[in-house]
Each structure stands twice: as structure tokens, then as C-alpha cells.
């Protein structure tokens, strides 16, 4: 029941990459929100 066969290795890697993609997507979404906030703040300043 280890990760020593091809199917289990693939399943593990798919799961790992899915999690990494989630983290990356959250980071990108957060950056977009911050950009929007900064833009709005700068518009209000002028």
C-alpha cells in the first residue's frame, strides 16, 4: 500500500499539483484584489 507503484505515484502527484495550483490561484487572486484596492485608493487621492 505504499507509493511505490506507478498508479499511486501518479495519484499522489496529481493531488500534490492540485493543492499547489490552489495555493497559486489564491495568491494571484489576492494580488489582483490588492491592485484594485490600490488603484481605487489612488483615484480617491487625486
PDB file of N, CA and C in Angstrom:
ATOM      1  N   UNK A   1       0.821  -1.216   0.000  1.00  0.00           N
ATOM      2  CA  UNK A   1       0.000   0.000   0.000  1.00  0.00           C
ATOM      3  C   UNK A   1       0.858   1.272   0.000  1.00  0.00           C
ATOM      4  N   UNK A   2       2.076   1.155  -0.431  1.00  0.00           N
ATOM      5  CA  UNK A   2       2.940   2.328  -0.470  1.00  0.00           C
ATOM      6  C   UNK A   2       2.742   3.121  -1.750  1.00  0.00           C
ATOM      7  N   UNK A   3       3.580   4.111  -1.928  1.00  0.00           N
ATOM      8  CA  UNK A   3       3.523   4.911  -3.155  1.00  0.00           C
ATOM      9  C   UNK A   3       4.507   4.368  -4.185  1.00  0.00           C
ATOM     10  N   UNK A   4       4.826   3.084  -4.071  1.00  0.00           N
ATOM     11  CA  UNK A   4       5.890   2.542  -4.899  1.00  0.00           C
ATOM     12  C   UNK A   4       5.437   2.041  -6.257  1.00  0.00           C
ATOM     13  N   UNK A   5       4.136   2.055  -6.537  1.00  0.00           N
ATOM     14  CA  UNK A   5       3.733   1.651  -7.881  1.00  0.00           C
ATOM     15  C   UNK A   5       3.280   2.875  -8.676  1.00  0.00           C
ATOM     16  N   UNK A   6       3.277   2.740  -9.991  1.00  0.00           N
ATOM     17  CA  UNK A   6       3.028   3.876 -10.887  1.00  0.00           C
ATOM     18  C   UNK A   6       1.704   4.580 -10.606  1.00  0.00           C
ATOM     19  N   UNK A   7       0.645   3.782 -10.387  1.00  0.00           N
ATOM     20  CA  UNK A   7      -0.678   4.368 -10.187  1.00  0.00           C
ATOM     21  C   UNK A   7      -0.696   5.244  -8.945  1.00  0.00           C
ATOM     22  N   UNK A   8      -0.117   4.744  -7.846  1.00  0.00           N
ATOM     23  CA  UNK A   8      -0.107   5.507  -6.599  1.00  0.00           C
ATOM     24  C   UNK A   8       0.770   6.739  -6.701  1.00  0.00           C
ATOM     25  N   UNK A   9       1.895   6.625  -7.421  1.00  0.00           N
ATOM     26  CA  UNK A   9       2.773   7.782  -7.614  1.00  0.00           C
ATOM     27  C   UNK A   9       2.013   8.858  -8.383  1.00  0.00           C
ATOM     28  N   UNK A  10       1.327   8.454  -9.460  1.00  0.00           N
ATOM     29  CA  UNK A  10       0.561   9.414 -10.275  1.00  0.00           C
ATOM     30  C   UNK A  10      -0.540  10.070  -9.460  1.00  0.00           C
ATOM     31  N   UNK A  11      -1.266   9.255  -8.680  1.00  0.00           N
ATOM     32  CA  UNK A  11      -2.356   9.772  -7.855  1.00  0.00           C
ATOM     33  C   UNK A  11      -1.821  10.797  -6.860  1.00  0.00           C
ATOM     34  N   UNK A  12      -0.697  10.458  -6.240  1.00  0.00           N
ATOM     35  CA  UNK A  12      -0.078  11.364  -5.259  1.00  0.00           C
ATOM     36  C   UNK A  12       0.346  12.667  -5.931  1.00  0.00           C
ATOM     37  N   UNK A  13       1.009  12.569  -7.086  1.00  0.00           N
ATOM     38  CA  UNK A  13       1.484  13.767  -7.778  1.00  0.00           C
ATOM     39  C   UNK A  13       0.326  14.644  -8.238  1.00  0.00           C
ATOM     40  N   UNK A  14      -0.745  14.018  -8.724  1.00  0.00           N
ATOM     41  CA  UNK A  14      -1.915  14.786  -9.159  1.00  0.00           C
ATOM     42  C   UNK A  14      -2.504  15.565  -7.988  1.00  0.00           C
ATOM     43  N   UNK A  15      -2.611  14.899  -6.852  1.00  0.00           N
ATOM     44  CA  UNK A  15      -3.156  15.529  -5.654  1.00  0.00           C
ATOM     45  C   UNK A  15      -2.256  16.689  -5.215  1.00  0.00           C
ATOM     46  N   UNK A  16      -0.956  16.453  -5.233  1.00  0.00           N
ATOM     47  CA  UNK A  16       0.024  17.464  -4.834  1.00  0.00           C
ATOM     48  C   UNK A  16      -0.061  18.683  -5.750  1.00  0.00           C
ATOM     49  N   UNK A  17      -0.107  18.438  -7.054  1.00  0.00           N
ATOM     50  CA  UNK A  17      -0.157  19.540  -8.010  1.00  0.00           C
ATOM     51  C   UNK A  17      -1.464  20.309  -7.908  1.00  0.00           C
ATOM     52  N   UNK A  18      -2.543  19.599  -7.613  1.00  0.00           N
ATOM     53  CA  UNK A  18      -3.839  20.263  -7.433  1.00  0.00           C
ATOM     54  C   UNK A  18      -3.768  21.235  -6.261  1.00  0.00           C
ATOM     55  N   UNK A  19      -3.174  20.795  -5.161  1.00  0.00           N
ATOM     56  CA  UNK A  19      -3.020  21.657  -3.984  1.00  0.00           C
ATOM     57  C   UNK A  19      -2.135  22.858  -4.303  1.00  0.00           C
ATOM     58  N   UNK A  20      -1.042  22.625  -5.020  1.00  0.00           N
ATOM     59  CA  UNK A  20      -0.134  23.710  -5.384  1.00  0.00           C
ATOM     60  C   UNK A  20      -0.846  24.722  -6.272  1.00  0.00           C
ATOM     61  N   UNK A  21      -1.690  24.231  -7.195  1.00  0.00           N
ATOM     62  CA  UNK A  21      -2.438  25.121  -8.077  1.00  0.00           C
ATOM     63  C   UNK A  21      -3.423  25.972  -7.287  1.00  0.00           C
ATOM     64  N   UNK A  22      -4.054  25.373  -6.265  1.00  0.00           N
ATOM     65  CA  UNK A  22      -4.981  26.122  -5.412  1.00  0.00           C
ATOM     66  C   UNK A  22      -4.262  27.275  -4.722  1.00  0.00           C
ATOM     67  N   UNK A  23      -3.085  26.988  -4.168  1.00  0.00           N
ATOM     68  CA  UNK A  23      -2.305  27.997  -3.460  1.00  0.00           C
ATOM     69  C   UNK A  23      -1.920  29.114  -4.420  1.00  0.00           C
ATOM     70  N   UNK A  24      -1.488  28.732  -5.610  1.00  0.00           N
ATOM     71  CA  UNK A  24      -1.076  29.713  -6.619  1.00  0.00           C
ATOM     72  C   UNK A  24      -2.264  30.580  -7.032  1.00  0.00           C
ATOM     73  N   UNK A  25      -3.427  29.971  -7.218  1.00  0.00           N
ATOM     74  CA  UNK A  25      -4.628  30.710  -7.617  1.00  0.00           C
ATOM     75  C   UNK A  25      -5.041  31.705  -6.534  1.00  0.00           C
ATOM     76  N   UNK A  26      -4.953  31.294  -5.267  1.00  0.00           N
ATOM     77  CA  UNK A  26      -5.280  32.201  -4.165  1.00  0.00           C
ATOM     78  C   UNK A  26      -4.338  33.394  -4.161  1.00  0.00           C
ATOM     79  N   UNK A  27      -3.054  33.133  -4.392  1.00  0.00           N
ATOM     80  CA  UNK A  27      -2.047  34.191  -4.390  1.00  0.00           C
ATOM     81  C   UNK A  27      -2.333  35.193  -5.514  1.00  0.00           C
ATOM     82  N   UNK A  28      -2.647  34.684  -6.699  1.00  0.00           N
ATOM     83  CA  UNK A  28      -2.943  35.549  -7.845  1.00  0.00           C
ATOM     84  C   UNK A  28      -4.199  36.374  -7.576  1.00  0.00           C
ATOM     85  N   UNK A  29      -5.233  35.745  -7.033  1.00  0.00           N
ATOM     86  CA  UNK A  29      -6.477  36.451  -6.737  1.00  0.00           C
ATOM     87  C   UNK A  29      -6.236  37.559  -5.720  1.00  0.00           C
ATOM     88  N   UNK A  30      -5.419  37.269  -4.717  1.00  0.00           N
ATOM     89  CA  UNK A  30      -5.109  38.252  -3.691  1.00  0.00           C
ATOM     90  C   UNK A  30      -4.364  39.444  -4.291  1.00  0.00           C
ATOM     91  N   UNK A  31      -3.408  39.170  -5.175  1.00  0.00           N
ATOM     92  CA  UNK A  31      -2.661  40.249  -5.829  1.00  0.00           C
ATOM     93  C   UNK A  31      -3.584  41.122  -6.669  1.00  0.00           C
ATOM     94  N   UNK A  32      -4.530  40.484  -7.370  1.00  0.00           N
ATOM     95  CA  UNK A  32      -5.479  41.241  -8.182  1.00  0.00           C
ATOM     96  C   UNK A  32      -6.333  42.161  -7.307  1.00  0.00           C
ATOM     97  N   UNK A  33      -6.806  41.636  -6.191  1.00  0.00           N
ATOM     98  CA  UNK A  33      -7.620  42.439  -5.272  1.00  0.00           C
ATOM     99  C   UNK A  33      -6.820  43.615  -4.733  1.00  0.00           C
ATOM    100  N   UNK A  34      -5.558  43.344  -4.359  1.00  0.00           N
ATOM    101  CA  UNK A  34      -4.706  44.415  -3.838  1.00  0.00           C
ATOM    102  C   UNK A  34      -4.491  45.502  -4.891  1.00  0.00           C
ATOM    103  N   UNK A  35      -4.266  45.089  -6.147  1.00  0.00           N
ATOM    104  CA  UNK A  35      -4.087  46.062  -7.228  1.00  0.00           C
ATOM    105  C   UNK A  35      -5.325  46.936  -7.362  1.00  0.00           C
ATOM    106  N   UNK A  36      -6.508  46.311  -7.306  1.00  0.00           N
ATOM    107  CA  UNK A  36      -7.768  47.049  -7.435  1.00  0.00           C
ATOM    108  C   UNK A  36      -7.921  48.039  -6.280  1.00  0.00           C
ATOM    109  N   UNK A  37      -7.585  47.615  -5.077  1.00  0.00           N
ATOM    110  CA  UNK A  37      -7.699  48.481  -3.904  1.00  0.00           C
ATOM    111  C   UNK A  37      -6.744  49.668  -4.030  1.00  0.00           C
ATOM    112  N   UNK A  38      -5.512  49.402  -4.423  1.00  0.00           N
ATOM    113  CA  UNK A  38      -4.520  50.465  -4.576  1.00  0.00           C
ATOM    114  C   UNK A  38      -4.965  51.447  -5.656  1.00  0.00           C
ATOM    115  N   UNK A  39      -5.482  50.917  -6.755  1.00  0.00           N
ATOM    116  CA  UNK A  39      -5.950  51.770  -7.855  1.00  0.00           C
ATOM    117  C   UNK A  39      -7.075  52.686  -7.370  1.00  0.00           C
ATOM    118  N   UNK A  40      -8.023  52.111  -6.655  1.00  0.00           N
ATOM    119  CA  UNK A  40      -9.155  52.878  -6.141  1.00  0.00           C
ATOM    120  C   UNK A  40      -8.668  53.942  -5.138  1.00  0.00           C
ATOM    121  N   UNK A  41      -7.746  53.551  -4.278  1.00  0.00           N
ATOM    122  CA  UNK A  41      -7.185  54.475  -3.292  1.00  0.00           C
ATOM    123  C   UNK A  41      -6.510  55.651  -3.983  1.00  0.00           C
ATOM    124  N   UNK A  42      -5.723  55.352  -5.023  1.00  0.00           N
ATOM    125  CA  UNK A  42      -5.025  56.399  -5.746  1.00  0.00           C
ATOM    126  C   UNK A  42      -5.993  57.337  -6.488  1.00  0.00           C
ATOM    127  N   UNK A  43      -7.081  56.779  -6.983  1.00  0.00           N
ATOM    128  CA  UNK A  43      -8.090  57.605  -7.660  1.00  0.00           C
ATOM    129  C   UNK A  43      -8.736  58.566  -6.661  1.00  0.00           C
ATOM    130  N   UNK A  44      -9.002  58.077  -5.468  1.00  0.00           N
ATOM    131  CA  UNK A  44      -9.632  58.903  -4.440  1.00  0.00           C
ATOM    132  C   UNK A  44      -8.700  60.009  -3.951  1.00  0.00           C
ATOM    133  N   UNK A  45      -7.409  59.735  -3.981  1.00  0.00           N
ATOM    134  CA  UNK A  45      -6.422  60.716  -3.528  1.00  0.00           C
ATOM    135  C   UNK A  45      -6.379  61.935  -4.444  1.00  0.00           C
ATOM    136  N   UNK A  46      -6.549  61.700  -5.739  1.00  0.00           N
ATOM    137  CA  UNK A  46      -6.418  62.777  -6.724  1.00  0.00           C
ATOM    138  C   UNK A  46      -7.588  63.704  -6.776  1.00  0.00           C
TER     139      UNK A  46
END
